[in-house]
C-alpha cells in the first residue's frame, strides 16, 4: 500500500507475488466523490477478468476406431485319398 502526497486524491497500488495479486486503494474523500464505487468496480472488473482468463475445457478425445477383425484364413483343401 502507498500513501497520498499533497494534491493527489487517489492512489492505486497493485502488487503481485507468488501467484497472488493484491490491490490497494487510498483516497482523499474530499477530492474523490463516491470513492466507494471504486472498490465495487474493481471487484466487478476482477470478476470479469477471471471469467475471461479461465482455461477453456479440453475437448474430449475422439474414441479410437476399433481395429477391423483379420479375415480367417481359408482352410486348405484336404488331399484326396486313392
PDB file of N, CA and C in Angstrom:
ATOM      1  N   UNK A   1       0.848  -1.157   0.000  1.00  0.00           N
ATOM      2  CA  UNK A   1       0.000   0.000   0.000  1.00  0.00           C
ATOM      3  C   UNK A   1       0.898   1.226   0.000  1.00  0.00           C
ATOM      4  N   UNK A   2       0.416   2.278  -0.597  1.00  0.00           N
ATOM      5  CA  UNK A   2       1.193   3.506  -0.684  1.00  0.00           C
ATOM      6  C   UNK A   2       0.454   4.625   0.029  1.00  0.00           C
ATOM      7  N   UNK A   3       1.001   5.813  -0.056  1.00  0.00           N
ATOM      8  CA  UNK A   3       0.383   6.973   0.605  1.00  0.00           C
ATOM      9  C   UNK A   3       0.025   8.025  -0.437  1.00  0.00           C
ATOM     10  N   UNK A   4      -0.798   8.950  -0.028  1.00  0.00           N
ATOM     11  CA  UNK A   4      -1.133  10.090  -0.887  1.00  0.00           C
ATOM     12  C   UNK A   4      -0.161  11.226  -0.582  1.00  0.00           C
ATOM     13  N   UNK A   5       0.258  11.869  -1.619  1.00  0.00           N
ATOM     14  CA  UNK A   5       1.085  13.060  -1.431  1.00  0.00           C
ATOM     15  C   UNK A   5       0.215  14.287  -1.666  1.00  0.00           C
ATOM     16  N   UNK A   6       0.736  15.437  -1.353  1.00  0.00           N
ATOM     17  CA  UNK A   6      -0.035  16.684  -1.429  1.00  0.00           C
ATOM     18  C   UNK A   6      -0.631  16.885  -2.816  1.00  0.00           C
ATOM     19  N   UNK A   7      -1.922  17.153  -2.853  1.00  0.00           N
ATOM     20  CA  UNK A   7      -2.608  17.458  -4.096  1.00  0.00           C
ATOM     21  C   UNK A   7      -3.138  16.245  -4.841  1.00  0.00           C
ATOM     22  N   UNK A   8      -2.789  15.043  -4.403  1.00  0.00           N
ATOM     23  CA  UNK A   8      -3.300  13.834  -5.069  1.00  0.00           C
ATOM     24  C   UNK A   8      -4.533  13.337  -4.328  1.00  0.00           C
ATOM     25  N   UNK A   9      -5.504  12.890  -5.094  1.00  0.00           N
ATOM     26  CA  UNK A   9      -6.751  12.436  -4.486  1.00  0.00           C
ATOM     27  C   UNK A   9      -6.889  10.929  -4.427  1.00  0.00           C
ATOM     28  N   UNK A  10      -6.061  10.227  -5.178  1.00  0.00           N
ATOM     29  CA  UNK A  10      -6.225   8.774  -5.228  1.00  0.00           C
ATOM     30  C   UNK A  10      -4.883   8.102  -5.507  1.00  0.00           C
ATOM     31  N   UNK A  11      -4.706   6.925  -4.933  1.00  0.00           N
ATOM     32  CA  UNK A  11      -3.519   6.121  -5.199  1.00  0.00           C
ATOM     33  C   UNK A  11      -3.963   4.669  -5.337  1.00  0.00           C
ATOM     34  N   UNK A  12      -3.618   4.069  -6.472  1.00  0.00           N
ATOM     35  CA  UNK A  12      -3.847   2.634  -6.681  1.00  0.00           C
ATOM     36  C   UNK A  12      -2.508   1.931  -6.541  1.00  0.00           C
ATOM     37  N   UNK A  13      -2.486   0.849  -5.807  1.00  0.00           N
ATOM     38  CA  UNK A  13      -1.279   0.035  -5.694  1.00  0.00           C
ATOM     39  C   UNK A  13      -1.654  -1.395  -6.052  1.00  0.00           C
ATOM     40  N   UNK A  14      -0.840  -1.979  -6.879  1.00  0.00           N
ATOM     41  CA  UNK A  14      -1.047  -3.376  -7.268  1.00  0.00           C
ATOM     42  C   UNK A  14       0.274  -4.101  -7.061  1.00  0.00           C
ATOM     43  N   UNK A  15       0.235  -5.162  -6.295  1.00  0.00           N
ATOM     44  CA  UNK A  15       1.435  -5.947  -6.018  1.00  0.00           C
ATOM     45  C   UNK A  15       1.129  -7.405  -6.329  1.00  0.00           C
ATOM     46  N   UNK A  16       2.023  -8.025  -7.090  1.00  0.00           N
ATOM     47  CA  UNK A  16       1.855  -9.458  -7.339  1.00  0.00           C
ATOM     48  C   UNK A  16       3.086 -10.176  -6.814  1.00  0.00           C
ATOM     49  N   UNK A  17       2.840 -11.337  -6.213  1.00  0.00           N
ATOM     50  CA  UNK A  17       3.920 -12.147  -5.673  1.00  0.00           C
ATOM     51  C   UNK A  17       3.435 -13.578  -5.544  1.00  0.00           C
ATOM     52  N   UNK A  18       4.221 -14.493  -6.048  1.00  0.00           N
ATOM     53  CA  UNK A  18       3.957 -15.921  -5.865  1.00  0.00           C
ATOM     54  C   UNK A  18       2.518 -16.286  -6.232  1.00  0.00           C
ATOM     55  N   UNK A  19       2.101 -15.912  -7.413  1.00  0.00           N
ATOM     56  CA  UNK A  19       0.787 -16.223  -7.976  1.00  0.00           C
ATOM     57  C   UNK A  19      -0.369 -15.553  -7.233  1.00  0.00           C
ATOM     58  N   UNK A  20      -0.089 -14.535  -6.446  1.00  0.00           N
ATOM     59  CA  UNK A  20      -1.127 -13.740  -5.789  1.00  0.00           C
ATOM     60  C   UNK A  20      -1.044 -12.315  -6.328  1.00  0.00           C
ATOM     61  N   UNK A  21      -2.179 -11.642  -6.345  1.00  0.00           N
ATOM     62  CA  UNK A  21      -2.204 -10.247  -6.753  1.00  0.00           C
ATOM     63  C   UNK A  21      -3.042  -9.481  -5.740  1.00  0.00           C
ATOM     64  N   UNK A  22      -2.455  -8.446  -5.182  1.00  0.00           N
ATOM     65  CA  UNK A  22      -3.133  -7.636  -4.174  1.00  0.00           C
ATOM     66  C   UNK A  22      -3.281  -6.209  -4.693  1.00  0.00           C
ATOM     67  N   UNK A  23      -4.421  -5.601  -4.367  1.00  0.00           N
ATOM     68  CA  UNK A  23      -4.712  -4.237  -4.769  1.00  0.00           C
ATOM     69  C   UNK A  23      -4.946  -3.398  -3.528  1.00  0.00           C
ATOM     70  N   UNK A  24      -4.497  -2.157  -3.591  1.00  0.00           N
ATOM     71  CA  UNK A  24      -4.780  -1.203  -2.532  1.00  0.00           C
ATOM     72  C   UNK A  24      -5.276   0.097  -3.146  1.00  0.00           C
ATOM     73  N   UNK A  25      -6.272   0.696  -2.509  1.00  0.00           N
ATOM     74  CA  UNK A  25      -6.799   1.982  -2.975  1.00  0.00           C
ATOM     75  C   UNK A  25      -6.806   2.928  -1.780  1.00  0.00           C
ATOM     76  N   UNK A  26      -6.166   4.065  -1.948  1.00  0.00           N
ATOM     77  CA  UNK A  26      -6.177   5.102  -0.919  1.00  0.00           C
ATOM     78  C   UNK A  26      -6.744   6.353  -1.573  1.00  0.00           C
ATOM     79  N   UNK A  27      -7.744   6.954  -0.927  1.00  0.00           N
ATOM     80  CA  UNK A  27      -8.359   8.155  -1.498  1.00  0.00           C
ATOM     81  C   UNK A  27      -8.447   9.261  -0.457  1.00  0.00           C
ATOM     82  N   UNK A  28      -8.503  10.464  -0.961  1.00  0.00           N
ATOM     83  CA  UNK A  28      -8.841  11.624  -0.137  1.00  0.00           C
ATOM     84  C   UNK A  28     -10.318  11.879  -0.401  1.00  0.00           C
ATOM     85  N   UNK A  29     -11.191  11.532   0.571  1.00  0.00           N
ATOM     86  CA  UNK A  29     -12.636  11.610   0.324  1.00  0.00           C
ATOM     87  C   UNK A  29     -13.130  13.001  -0.088  1.00  0.00           C
ATOM     88  N   UNK A  30     -12.425  14.055   0.311  1.00  0.00           N
ATOM     89  CA  UNK A  30     -12.849  15.400  -0.087  1.00  0.00           C
ATOM     90  C   UNK A  30     -12.577  15.649  -1.570  1.00  0.00           C
ATOM     91  N   UNK A  31     -11.613  14.933  -2.149  1.00  0.00           N
ATOM     92  CA  UNK A  31     -11.261  15.135  -3.554  1.00  0.00           C
ATOM     93  C   UNK A  31     -11.870  14.092  -4.487  1.00  0.00           C
ATOM     94  N   UNK A  32     -12.274  12.954  -3.929  1.00  0.00           N
ATOM     95  CA  UNK A  32     -12.798  11.860  -4.769  1.00  0.00           C
ATOM     96  C   UNK A  32     -14.217  11.516  -4.295  1.00  0.00           C
ATOM     97  N   UNK A  33     -15.226  12.095  -4.955  1.00  0.00           N
ATOM     98  CA  UNK A  33     -16.600  11.758  -4.564  1.00  0.00           C
ATOM     99  C   UNK A  33     -16.929  10.319  -4.958  1.00  0.00           C
ATOM    100  N   UNK A  34     -17.810   9.715  -4.212  1.00  0.00           N
ATOM    101  CA  UNK A  34     -18.263   8.336  -4.471  1.00  0.00           C
ATOM    102  C   UNK A  34     -17.095   7.354  -4.551  1.00  0.00           C
ATOM    103  N   UNK A  35     -16.143   7.516  -3.670  1.00  0.00           N
ATOM    104  CA  UNK A  35     -14.958   6.666  -3.711  1.00  0.00           C
ATOM    105  C   UNK A  35     -15.268   5.196  -3.420  1.00  0.00           C
ATOM    106  N   UNK A  36     -16.380   4.930  -2.773  1.00  0.00           N
ATOM    107  CA  UNK A  36     -16.757   3.537  -2.517  1.00  0.00           C
ATOM    108  C   UNK A  36     -17.000   2.789  -3.829  1.00  0.00           C
ATOM    109  N   UNK A  37     -17.442   3.509  -4.850  1.00  0.00           N
ATOM    110  CA  UNK A  37     -17.697   2.889  -6.157  1.00  0.00           C
ATOM    111  C   UNK A  37     -16.425   2.332  -6.791  1.00  0.00           C
ATOM    112  N   UNK A  38     -15.269   2.889  -6.423  1.00  0.00           N
ATOM    113  CA  UNK A  38     -14.006   2.380  -6.970  1.00  0.00           C
ATOM    114  C   UNK A  38     -13.767   0.937  -6.548  1.00  0.00           C
ATOM    115  N   UNK A  39     -13.941   0.669  -5.276  1.00  0.00           N
ATOM    116  CA  UNK A  39     -13.727  -0.696  -4.782  1.00  0.00           C
ATOM    117  C   UNK A  39     -14.759  -1.653  -5.372  1.00  0.00           C
ATOM    118  N   UNK A  40     -15.998  -1.203  -5.443  1.00  0.00           N
ATOM    119  CA  UNK A  40     -17.045  -2.044  -6.031  1.00  0.00           C
ATOM    120  C   UNK A  40     -16.742  -2.342  -7.495  1.00  0.00           C
ATOM    121  N   UNK A  41     -16.323  -1.307  -8.221  1.00  0.00           N
ATOM    122  CA  UNK A  41     -15.986  -1.501  -9.633  1.00  0.00           C
ATOM    123  C   UNK A  41     -14.781  -2.403  -9.825  1.00  0.00           C
ATOM    124  N   UNK A  42     -13.809  -2.305  -8.932  1.00  0.00           N
ATOM    125  CA  UNK A  42     -12.629  -3.161  -9.016  1.00  0.00           C
ATOM    126  C   UNK A  42     -13.011  -4.623  -8.822  1.00  0.00           C
ATOM    127  N   UNK A  43     -13.865  -4.887  -7.861  1.00  0.00           N
ATOM    128  CA  UNK A  43     -14.321  -6.263  -7.624  1.00  0.00           C
ATOM    129  C   UNK A  43     -15.049  -6.795  -8.860  1.00  0.00           C
ATOM    130  N   UNK A  44     -15.908  -5.973  -9.447  1.00  0.00           N
ATOM    131  CA  UNK A  44     -16.648  -6.386 -10.646  1.00  0.00           C
ATOM    132  C   UNK A  44     -15.684  -6.642 -11.811  1.00  0.00           C
ATOM    133  N   UNK A  45     -14.724  -5.738 -12.010  1.00  0.00           N
ATOM    134  CA  UNK A  45     -13.764  -5.885 -13.108  1.00  0.00           C
ATOM    135  C   UNK A  45     -12.906  -7.139 -12.927  1.00  0.00           C
ATOM    136  N   UNK A  46     -12.523  -7.439 -11.708  1.00  0.00           N
ATOM    137  CA  UNK A  46     -11.731  -8.649 -11.465  1.00  0.00           C
ATOM    138  C   UNK A  46     -12.547  -9.907 -11.751  1.00  0.00           C
ATOM    139  N   UNK A  47     -13.829  -9.860 -11.435  1.00  0.00           N
ATOM    140  CA  UNK A  47     -14.700 -10.992 -11.765  1.00  0.00           C
ATOM    141  C   UNK A  47     -14.780 -11.210 -13.266  1.00  0.00           C
ATOM    142  N   UNK A  48     -14.885 -10.120 -14.013  1.00  0.00           N
ATOM    143  CA  UNK A  48     -14.910 -10.225 -15.477  1.00  0.00           C
ATOM    144  C   UNK A  48     -13.575 -10.743 -16.004  1.00  0.00           C
ATOM    145  N   UNK A  49     -12.495 -10.261 -15.435  1.00  0.00           N
ATOM    146  CA  UNK A  49     -11.161 -10.698 -15.843  1.00  0.00           C
ATOM    147  C   UNK A  49     -10.988 -12.198 -15.607  1.00  0.00           C
ATOM    148  N   UNK A  50     -11.408 -12.662 -14.456  1.00  0.00           N
ATOM    149  CA  UNK A  50     -11.305 -14.092 -14.138  1.00  0.00           C
ATOM    150  C   UNK A  50     -12.139 -14.924 -15.107  1.00  0.00           C
ATOM    151  N   UNK A  51     -13.318 -14.429 -15.466  1.00  0.00           N
ATOM    152  CA  UNK A  51     -14.174 -15.170 -16.398  1.00  0.00           C
ATOM    153  C   UNK A  51     -13.511 -15.297 -17.767  1.00  0.00           C
ATOM    154  N   UNK A  52     -12.831 -14.248 -18.191  1.00  0.00           N
ATOM    155  CA  UNK A  52     -12.153 -14.267 -19.486  1.00  0.00           C
ATOM    156  C   UNK A  52     -10.939 -15.190 -19.452  1.00  0.00           C
ATOM    157  N   UNK A  53     -10.256 -15.217 -18.332  1.00  0.00           N
ATOM    158  CA  UNK A  53      -8.977 -15.940 -18.241  1.00  0.00           C
ATOM    159  C   UNK A  53      -9.116 -17.422 -17.901  1.00  0.00           C
ATOM    160  N   UNK A  54     -10.314 -17.891 -17.628  1.00  0.00           N
ATOM    161  CA  UNK A  54     -10.461 -19.307 -17.301  1.00  0.00           C
ATOM    162  C   UNK A  54     -10.021 -20.140 -18.491  1.00  0.00           C
ATOM    163  N   UNK A  55      -9.247 -21.180 -18.226  1.00  0.00           N
ATOM    164  CA  UNK A  55      -8.843 -22.025 -19.354  1.00  0.00           C
ATOM    165  C   UNK A  55     -10.051 -22.711 -19.966  1.00  0.00           C
ATOM    166  N   UNK A  56     -10.025 -22.812 -21.278  1.00  0.00           N
ATOM    167  CA  UNK A  56     -11.119 -23.481 -21.966  1.00  0.00           C
ATOM    168  C   UNK A  56     -11.025 -24.973 -21.694  1.00  0.00           C
ATOM    169  N   UNK A  57     -12.179 -25.630 -21.522  1.00  0.00           N
ATOM    170  CA  UNK A  57     -12.119 -27.070 -21.287  1.00  0.00           C
ATOM    171  C   UNK A  57     -11.544 -27.775 -22.506  1.00  0.00           C
ATOM    172  N   UNK A  58     -10.742 -28.769 -22.229  1.00  0.00           N
ATOM    173  CA  UNK A  58     -10.149 -29.533 -23.323  1.00  0.00           C
ATOM    174  C   UNK A  58     -11.233 -30.388 -23.969  1.00  0.00           C
ATOM    175  N   UNK A  59     -11.223 -30.460 -25.299  1.00  0.00           N
ATOM    176  CA  UNK A  59     -12.220 -31.314 -25.944  1.00  0.00           C
ATOM    177  C   UNK A  59     -11.942 -32.775 -25.610  1.00  0.00           C
ATOM    178  N   UNK A  60     -13.021 -33.530 -25.532  1.00  0.00           N
ATOM    179  CA  UNK A  60     -12.863 -34.952 -25.247  1.00  0.00           C
ATOM    180  C   UNK A  60     -12.178 -35.617 -26.435  1.00  0.00           C
ATOM    181  N   UNK A  61     -11.243 -36.506 -26.135  1.00  0.00           N
ATOM    182  CA  UNK A  61     -10.575 -37.175 -27.254  1.00  0.00           C
ATOM    183  C   UNK A  61     -11.549 -38.074 -28.001  1.00  0.00           C
ATOM    184  N   UNK A  62     -11.370 -38.115 -29.302  1.00  0.00           N
ATOM    185  CA  UNK A  62     -12.230 -38.971 -30.113  1.00  0.00           C
ATOM    186  C   UNK A  62     -11.872 -40.421 -29.818  1.00  0.00           C
ATOM    187  N   UNK A  63     -12.888 -41.279 -29.753  1.00  0.00           N
ATOM    188  CA  UNK A  63     -12.565 -42.681 -29.490  1.00  0.00           C
ATOM    189  C   UNK A  63     -11.794 -43.266 -30.676  1.00  0.00           C
ATOM    190  N   UNK A  64     -10.850 -44.110 -30.348  1.00  0.00           N
ATOM    191  CA  UNK A  64     -10.066 -44.747 -31.396  1.00  0.00           C
ATOM    192  C   UNK A  64     -10.957 -45.730 -32.136  1.00  0.00           C
ATOM    193  N   UNK A  65     -10.812 -45.783 -33.454  1.00  0.00           N
ATOM    194  CA  UNK A  65     -11.631 -46.740 -34.191  1.00  0.00           C
ATOM    195  C   UNK A  65     -11.220 -48.167 -33.832  1.00  0.00           C
ATOM    196  N   UNK A  66     -12.222 -49.016 -33.773  1.00  0.00           N
ATOM    197  CA  UNK A  66     -11.949 -50.414 -33.451  1.00  0.00           C
ATOM    198  C   UNK A  66     -11.209 -51.037 -34.625  1.00  0.00           C
ATOM    199  N   UNK A  67     -10.203 -51.832 -34.329  1.00  0.00           N
ATOM    200  CA  UNK A  67      -9.488 -52.470 -35.447  1.00  0.00           C
ATOM    201  C   UNK A  67     -10.395 -53.473 -36.146  1.00  0.00           C
ATOM    202  N   UNK A  68     -10.240 -53.542 -37.449  1.00  0.00           N
ATOM    203  CA  UNK A  68     -11.038 -54.486 -38.215  1.00  0.00           C
ATOM    204  C   UNK A  68     -10.534 -55.892 -37.912  1.00  0.00           C
ATOM    205  N   UNK A  69     -11.465 -56.824 -37.752  1.00  0.00           N
ATOM    206  CA  UNK A  69     -11.004 -58.189 -37.467  1.00  0.00           C
ATOM    207  C   UNK A  69     -10.284 -58.757 -38.696  1.00  0.00           C
ATOM    208  N   UNK A  70      -9.243 -59.500 -38.419  1.00  0.00           N
ATOM    209  CA  UNK A  70      -8.500 -60.124 -39.509  1.00  0.00           C
ATOM    210  C   UNK A  70      -9.353 -61.239 -40.095  1.00  0.00           C
ATOM    211  N   UNK A  71      -9.363 -61.347 -41.420  1.00  0.00           N
ATOM    212  CA  UNK A  71     -10.156 -62.439 -42.006  1.00  0.00           C
ATOM    213  C   UNK A  71      -9.519 -63.789 -41.661  1.00  0.00           C
ATOM    214  N   UNK A  72     -10.389 -64.743 -41.440  1.00  0.00           N
ATOM    215  CA  UNK A  72      -9.906 -66.081 -41.119  1.00  0.00           C
ATOM    216  C   UNK A  72      -9.285 -66.680 -42.389  1.00  0.00           C
ATOM    217  N   UNK A  73      -8.184 -67.373 -42.228  1.00  0.00           N
ATOM    218  CA  UNK A  73      -7.588 -67.985 -43.424  1.00  0.00           C
ATOM    219  C   UNK A  73      -8.484 -69.096 -43.953  1.00  0.00           C
ATOM    220  N   UNK A  74      -8.511 -69.235 -45.256  1.00  0.00           N
ATOM    221  CA  UNK A  74      -9.315 -70.285 -45.879  1.00  0.00           C
ATOM    222  C   UNK A  74      -8.655 -71.623 -45.566  1.00  0.00           C
ATOM    223  N   UNK A  75      -9.471 -72.594 -45.244  1.00  0.00           N
ATOM    224  CA  UNK A  75      -8.870 -73.903 -44.943  1.00  0.00           C
ATOM    225  C   UNK A  75      -8.272 -74.512 -46.219  1.00  0.00           C
ATOM    226  N   UNK A  76      -7.172 -75.198 -46.025  1.00  0.00           N
ATOM    227  CA  UNK A  76      -6.528 -75.858 -47.152  1.00  0.00           C
ATOM    228  C   UNK A  76      -7.381 -77.069 -47.534  1.00  0.00           C
ATOM    229  N   UNK A  77      -7.499 -77.308 -48.825  1.00  0.00           N
ATOM    230  CA  UNK A  77      -8.297 -78.491 -49.208  1.00  0.00           C
ATOM    231  C   UNK A  77      -7.568 -79.769 -48.779  1.00  0.00           C
ATOM    232  N   UNK A  78      -8.376 -80.717 -48.342  1.00  0.00           N
ATOM    233  CA  UNK A  78      -7.817 -81.997 -47.917  1.00  0.00           C
ATOM    234  C   UNK A  78      -7.356 -82.770 -49.157  1.00  0.00           C
ATOM    235  N   UNK A  79      -6.214 -83.414 -49.040  1.00  0.00           N
ATOM    236  CA  UNK A  79      -5.768 -84.224 -50.205  1.00  0.00           C
ATOM    237  C   UNK A  79      -6.712 -85.404 -50.411  1.00  0.00           C
ATOM    238  N   UNK A  80      -6.948 -85.722 -51.650  1.00  0.00           N
ATOM    239  CA  UNK A  80      -7.825 -86.839 -51.985  1.00  0.00           C
ATOM    240  C   UNK A  80      -7.078 -88.159 -51.760  1.00  0.00           C
ATOM    241  N   UNK A  81      -7.745 -89.125 -51.217  1.00  0.00           N
ATOM    242  CA  UNK A  81      -7.152 -90.431 -50.975  1.00  0.00           C
ATOM    243  C   UNK A  81      -7.469 -91.337 -52.147  1.00  0.00           C
ATOM    244  N   UNK A  82      -6.551 -92.130 -52.506  1.00  0.00           N
ATOM    245  CA  UNK A  82      -6.761 -93.079 -53.610  1.00  0.00           C
ATOM    246  C   UNK A  82      -7.039 -94.415 -53.115  1.00  0.00           C
TER     247      UNK A  82
END
